[in-house]
Structure formats: C-alpha cells, structure tokens
N, C-alpha and C. Protein backbone atom coordinates (compact mmCIF):
# COMPACT_ATOMS: atom_id res chain seq x y z
N MET A 1 0.80 -1.15 0.04
CA MET A 1 -0.06 0.00 -0.06
C MET A 1 0.89 1.31 -0.01
N LEU A 2 1.85 1.28 0.84
CA LEU A 2 2.73 2.46 0.91
C LEU A 2 3.48 2.69 -0.34
N ALA A 3 3.99 1.64 -1.06
CA ALA A 3 4.61 1.79 -2.31
C ALA A 3 3.65 2.46 -3.33
N GLY A 4 2.41 1.95 -3.32
CA GLY A 4 1.49 2.46 -4.33
C GLY A 4 1.14 3.93 -4.18
N VAL A 5 1.00 4.39 -2.86
CA VAL A 5 0.72 5.78 -2.56
C VAL A 5 1.93 6.62 -3.00
N ILE A 6 3.08 6.12 -2.56
CA ILE A 6 4.29 6.93 -2.95
C ILE A 6 4.42 7.04 -4.55
N GLU A 7 4.13 6.01 -5.25
CA GLU A 7 4.12 6.14 -6.69
C GLU A 7 2.95 7.14 -7.23
N LEU A 8 1.79 6.96 -6.63
CA LEU A 8 0.71 7.76 -7.10
C LEU A 8 1.02 9.19 -6.85
N LEU A 9 1.54 9.64 -5.78
CA LEU A 9 1.95 11.04 -5.47
C LEU A 9 3.19 11.50 -6.10
N GLY A 10 3.99 10.47 -6.67
CA GLY A 10 5.28 10.88 -7.19
C GLY A 10 6.24 11.32 -6.11
N ALA A 11 6.08 10.74 -4.92
CA ALA A 11 6.92 11.09 -3.81
C ALA A 11 8.15 10.27 -3.74
N ASP A 12 9.10 10.70 -3.00
CA ASP A 12 10.33 9.98 -2.66
C ASP A 12 10.34 9.13 -1.48
N LYS A 13 9.43 9.46 -0.56
CA LYS A 13 9.40 8.75 0.82
C LYS A 13 8.00 8.91 1.37
N GLY A 14 7.75 8.13 2.40
CA GLY A 14 6.50 8.14 3.04
C GLY A 14 6.33 7.24 4.20
N ASN A 15 5.39 7.27 4.95
CA ASN A 15 5.13 6.45 6.16
C ASN A 15 3.64 6.27 6.37
N ILE A 16 3.36 5.15 6.99
CA ILE A 16 1.95 4.83 7.48
C ILE A 16 2.06 4.73 8.97
N GLN A 17 1.17 5.47 9.62
CA GLN A 17 1.05 5.45 11.07
C GLN A 17 -0.25 4.83 11.45
N LEU A 18 -0.17 4.09 12.59
CA LEU A 18 -1.40 3.47 13.09
C LEU A 18 -1.68 4.09 14.47
N LEU A 19 -3.02 4.15 14.70
CA LEU A 19 -3.43 4.75 15.93
C LEU A 19 -3.46 3.65 17.09
N ASN A 20 -2.75 4.03 18.21
CA ASN A 20 -2.81 3.25 19.39
C ASN A 20 -4.06 3.82 20.25
N PRO A 21 -5.23 3.15 20.16
CA PRO A 21 -6.38 3.67 20.79
C PRO A 21 -6.29 3.84 22.36
N GLU A 22 -5.51 2.95 22.98
CA GLU A 22 -5.47 3.12 24.41
C GLU A 22 -4.68 4.38 24.79
N ARG A 23 -3.67 4.72 23.99
CA ARG A 23 -2.82 5.89 24.30
C ARG A 23 -3.11 7.05 23.60
N GLY A 24 -3.98 7.01 22.47
CA GLY A 24 -4.36 8.08 21.72
C GLY A 24 -3.15 8.71 20.91
N VAL A 25 -2.23 7.85 20.43
CA VAL A 25 -1.10 8.33 19.70
C VAL A 25 -0.97 7.52 18.46
N LEU A 26 -0.34 8.19 17.40
CA LEU A 26 -0.05 7.51 16.23
C LEU A 26 1.37 7.04 16.32
N THR A 27 1.64 5.84 15.79
CA THR A 27 3.04 5.38 15.71
C THR A 27 3.30 4.90 14.26
N ILE A 28 4.55 5.04 13.81
CA ILE A 28 4.95 4.68 12.50
C ILE A 28 5.00 3.15 12.46
N ALA A 29 4.13 2.57 11.45
CA ALA A 29 4.13 1.04 11.41
C ALA A 29 5.00 0.62 10.22
N VAL A 30 5.15 1.46 9.16
CA VAL A 30 5.92 1.15 8.00
C VAL A 30 6.40 2.47 7.40
N GLN A 31 7.59 2.45 6.80
CA GLN A 31 8.16 3.65 6.22
C GLN A 31 9.06 3.31 5.02
N HIS A 32 9.28 4.30 4.24
CA HIS A 32 10.25 4.20 3.09
C HIS A 32 11.04 5.50 2.96
N GLY A 33 12.21 5.50 3.10
CA GLY A 33 13.12 6.70 2.72
C GLY A 33 13.49 7.59 3.79
N PHE A 34 13.03 7.35 5.08
CA PHE A 34 13.39 8.26 6.17
C PHE A 34 14.57 7.65 6.95
N ASP A 35 15.39 8.53 7.56
CA ASP A 35 16.45 8.13 8.39
C ASP A 35 15.94 7.97 9.87
N GLN A 36 16.83 7.41 10.64
CA GLN A 36 16.50 7.12 12.05
C GLN A 36 16.09 8.38 12.89
N ASP A 37 16.84 9.52 12.57
CA ASP A 37 16.35 10.73 13.32
C ASP A 37 14.99 11.09 13.07
N PHE A 38 14.46 11.02 11.92
CA PHE A 38 13.12 11.38 11.52
C PHE A 38 12.21 10.37 12.30
N LEU A 39 12.53 9.07 12.14
CA LEU A 39 11.68 8.12 12.83
C LEU A 39 11.67 8.27 14.32
N ASP A 40 12.74 8.70 14.90
CA ASP A 40 12.72 8.82 16.40
C ASP A 40 11.93 10.07 16.67
N PHE A 41 12.05 11.11 15.88
CA PHE A 41 11.30 12.42 16.19
C PHE A 41 9.81 12.16 16.11
N PHE A 42 9.38 11.44 15.16
CA PHE A 42 7.95 11.20 14.90
C PHE A 42 7.41 9.77 15.43
N ARG A 43 8.15 9.31 16.36
CA ARG A 43 7.88 7.88 16.89
C ARG A 43 6.42 7.86 17.40
N GLU A 44 6.05 8.94 18.08
CA GLU A 44 4.71 9.03 18.61
C GLU A 44 4.17 10.44 18.37
N VAL A 45 2.99 10.49 17.80
CA VAL A 45 2.28 11.78 17.53
C VAL A 45 0.94 11.76 18.16
N SER A 46 0.55 12.80 18.76
CA SER A 46 -0.69 12.88 19.39
C SER A 46 -1.58 13.94 18.68
N ALA A 47 -2.83 14.01 18.98
CA ALA A 47 -3.79 15.01 18.38
C ALA A 47 -3.44 16.45 18.89
N LYS A 48 -2.59 16.54 19.91
CA LYS A 48 -2.20 17.86 20.36
C LYS A 48 -1.08 18.41 19.48
N ASP A 49 -0.40 17.61 18.74
CA ASP A 49 0.76 18.00 17.86
C ASP A 49 0.25 18.78 16.70
N ASP A 50 0.97 19.82 16.26
CA ASP A 50 0.58 20.51 15.04
C ASP A 50 1.29 20.07 13.77
N SER A 51 1.89 18.83 13.88
CA SER A 51 2.45 18.22 12.66
C SER A 51 1.21 17.90 11.74
N ALA A 52 1.50 17.59 10.48
CA ALA A 52 0.30 17.27 9.66
C ALA A 52 -0.43 16.09 10.16
N CYS A 53 0.19 15.08 10.57
CA CYS A 53 -0.54 13.90 11.11
C CYS A 53 -1.20 14.10 12.44
N GLY A 54 -0.66 15.03 13.31
CA GLY A 54 -1.33 15.44 14.44
C GLY A 54 -2.63 16.17 14.21
N ARG A 55 -2.53 17.07 13.19
CA ARG A 55 -3.75 17.86 12.84
C ARG A 55 -4.74 16.86 12.19
N ALA A 56 -4.37 15.99 11.36
CA ALA A 56 -5.30 15.06 10.69
C ALA A 56 -6.00 14.22 11.76
N LEU A 57 -5.32 13.84 12.74
CA LEU A 57 -5.85 13.04 13.79
C LEU A 57 -6.90 13.95 14.64
N ARG A 58 -6.47 15.10 14.95
CA ARG A 58 -7.39 16.05 15.75
C ARG A 58 -8.55 16.57 14.97
N LEU A 59 -8.43 16.86 13.73
CA LEU A 59 -9.48 17.43 12.96
C LEU A 59 -10.36 16.38 12.20
N GLN A 60 -9.81 15.12 12.18
CA GLN A 60 -10.43 13.98 11.54
C GLN A 60 -10.70 14.31 10.08
N ARG A 61 -9.74 14.86 9.39
CA ARG A 61 -9.85 15.14 7.97
C ARG A 61 -8.43 15.17 7.32
N PRO A 62 -8.31 14.96 6.00
CA PRO A 62 -6.95 15.10 5.40
C PRO A 62 -6.31 16.45 5.50
N ILE A 63 -5.06 16.51 5.76
CA ILE A 63 -4.25 17.73 5.91
C ILE A 63 -3.22 17.74 4.83
N VAL A 64 -3.11 18.88 4.03
CA VAL A 64 -2.09 19.02 3.06
C VAL A 64 -1.30 20.23 3.45
N VAL A 65 -0.02 20.04 3.63
CA VAL A 65 0.98 21.20 3.83
C VAL A 65 1.81 21.32 2.65
N GLU A 66 1.47 22.27 1.83
CA GLU A 66 2.12 22.51 0.47
C GLU A 66 3.56 22.87 0.64
N ASP A 67 3.87 23.72 1.63
CA ASP A 67 5.13 24.22 1.88
C ASP A 67 5.37 24.30 3.40
N VAL A 68 6.25 23.48 3.92
CA VAL A 68 6.51 23.45 5.31
C VAL A 68 7.09 24.78 5.83
N ASP A 69 7.70 25.38 5.01
CA ASP A 69 8.34 26.71 5.38
C ASP A 69 7.34 27.82 5.45
N ALA A 70 6.16 27.68 4.78
CA ALA A 70 5.04 28.71 4.82
C ALA A 70 4.01 28.44 5.78
N ASP A 71 3.94 27.25 6.29
CA ASP A 71 2.85 26.75 7.20
C ASP A 71 3.19 27.15 8.62
N GLU A 72 2.51 28.06 9.20
CA GLU A 72 2.89 28.54 10.55
C GLU A 72 2.76 27.51 11.57
N LEU A 73 1.74 26.64 11.52
CA LEU A 73 1.55 25.56 12.52
C LEU A 73 2.77 24.54 12.43
N PHE A 74 3.38 24.41 11.28
CA PHE A 74 4.47 23.52 11.14
C PHE A 74 5.85 23.93 11.63
N ALA A 75 5.97 25.13 12.11
CA ALA A 75 7.22 25.85 12.45
C ALA A 75 8.04 24.87 13.31
N ARG A 76 7.48 24.24 14.39
CA ARG A 76 8.27 23.43 15.25
C ARG A 76 8.91 22.23 14.58
N TYR A 77 8.43 21.93 13.40
CA TYR A 77 8.86 20.73 12.69
C TYR A 77 9.82 20.92 11.47
N ARG A 78 10.04 22.25 11.21
CA ARG A 78 10.76 22.59 9.95
C ARG A 78 12.18 22.13 9.99
N SER A 79 12.89 22.07 11.02
CA SER A 79 14.34 21.71 11.06
C SER A 79 14.26 20.09 10.76
N THR A 80 13.29 19.47 11.27
CA THR A 80 13.24 17.96 11.02
C THR A 80 12.86 17.74 9.53
N ALA A 81 11.98 18.52 8.99
CA ALA A 81 11.63 18.40 7.54
C ALA A 81 12.80 18.75 6.65
N ARG A 82 13.60 19.76 6.99
CA ARG A 82 14.82 20.05 6.21
C ARG A 82 15.74 18.92 6.29
N ALA A 83 15.97 18.41 7.46
CA ALA A 83 16.98 17.22 7.58
C ALA A 83 16.51 16.03 6.89
N ALA A 84 15.29 15.85 6.74
CA ALA A 84 14.70 14.70 5.95
C ALA A 84 14.49 15.03 4.52
N HIS A 85 14.73 16.26 4.18
CA HIS A 85 14.76 16.64 2.78
C HIS A 85 13.29 16.56 2.14
N PHE A 86 12.32 17.13 2.87
CA PHE A 86 10.96 17.24 2.30
C PHE A 86 10.35 18.71 2.50
N ARG A 87 9.58 19.05 1.64
CA ARG A 87 8.92 20.42 1.71
C ARG A 87 7.44 20.43 1.78
N SER A 88 6.81 19.14 1.53
CA SER A 88 5.31 19.13 1.66
C SER A 88 4.96 17.82 2.23
N VAL A 89 3.72 17.87 2.79
CA VAL A 89 3.19 16.72 3.48
C VAL A 89 1.80 16.55 3.15
N VAL A 90 1.38 15.37 3.02
CA VAL A 90 -0.05 14.95 2.93
C VAL A 90 -0.35 13.94 4.06
N SER A 91 -1.37 14.17 4.79
CA SER A 91 -1.69 13.21 5.90
C SER A 91 -3.16 13.02 5.90
N THR A 92 -3.60 11.76 5.88
CA THR A 92 -5.04 11.42 5.88
C THR A 92 -5.30 10.67 7.13
N ARG A 93 -6.58 10.59 7.40
CA ARG A 93 -6.90 9.82 8.59
C ARG A 93 -7.45 8.40 8.30
C-alpha cells in the first residue's frame, strides 16, 4: 500500500502510522526513505501536535501542507523536515 501511494503521489518517501487507541497516539508502522532521526522524532504523534498527522488526527480530515516553510503551524517541525529533505506533507486519517 505504501509503495502504491508513494508512486501515485510521485513522492520519494512516506510512512504509514497506526493509531494506538489506548494511548491516543499515532506510531509509524511502515516507512520508506526516512532516516532514524526522523523516525525517532515522529515515533509518537498525538492530536495535540501541530504536525500534519497530528492535525489530521485532531480534525479528523486530510491535511495538506504544501510548503512546510510557509505553514505557521508546522514551524516546530521545520528543522526535522529540512534534515529529512521534504517540503510538503499529505496526511489522511
């Protein structure tokens, strides 16, 4: 599934997170193209987080961040995005 979505979007990397309902957090279940620092940083994401996946979880709708440098809510995550070499994010629920 992940490979198909990466191909569909023309992306270089991606991940699938699963919800841990007891703890209310998303955890990365499968990924392609990310280094360990990225995986450690986003190991758990909650609905309180303003990352794309945190917002998707909180708002219960897809979130598209076209440019992480222009998205004010993404400010906390910009250095991680730069280190992982991505500028945009799509997160669905």
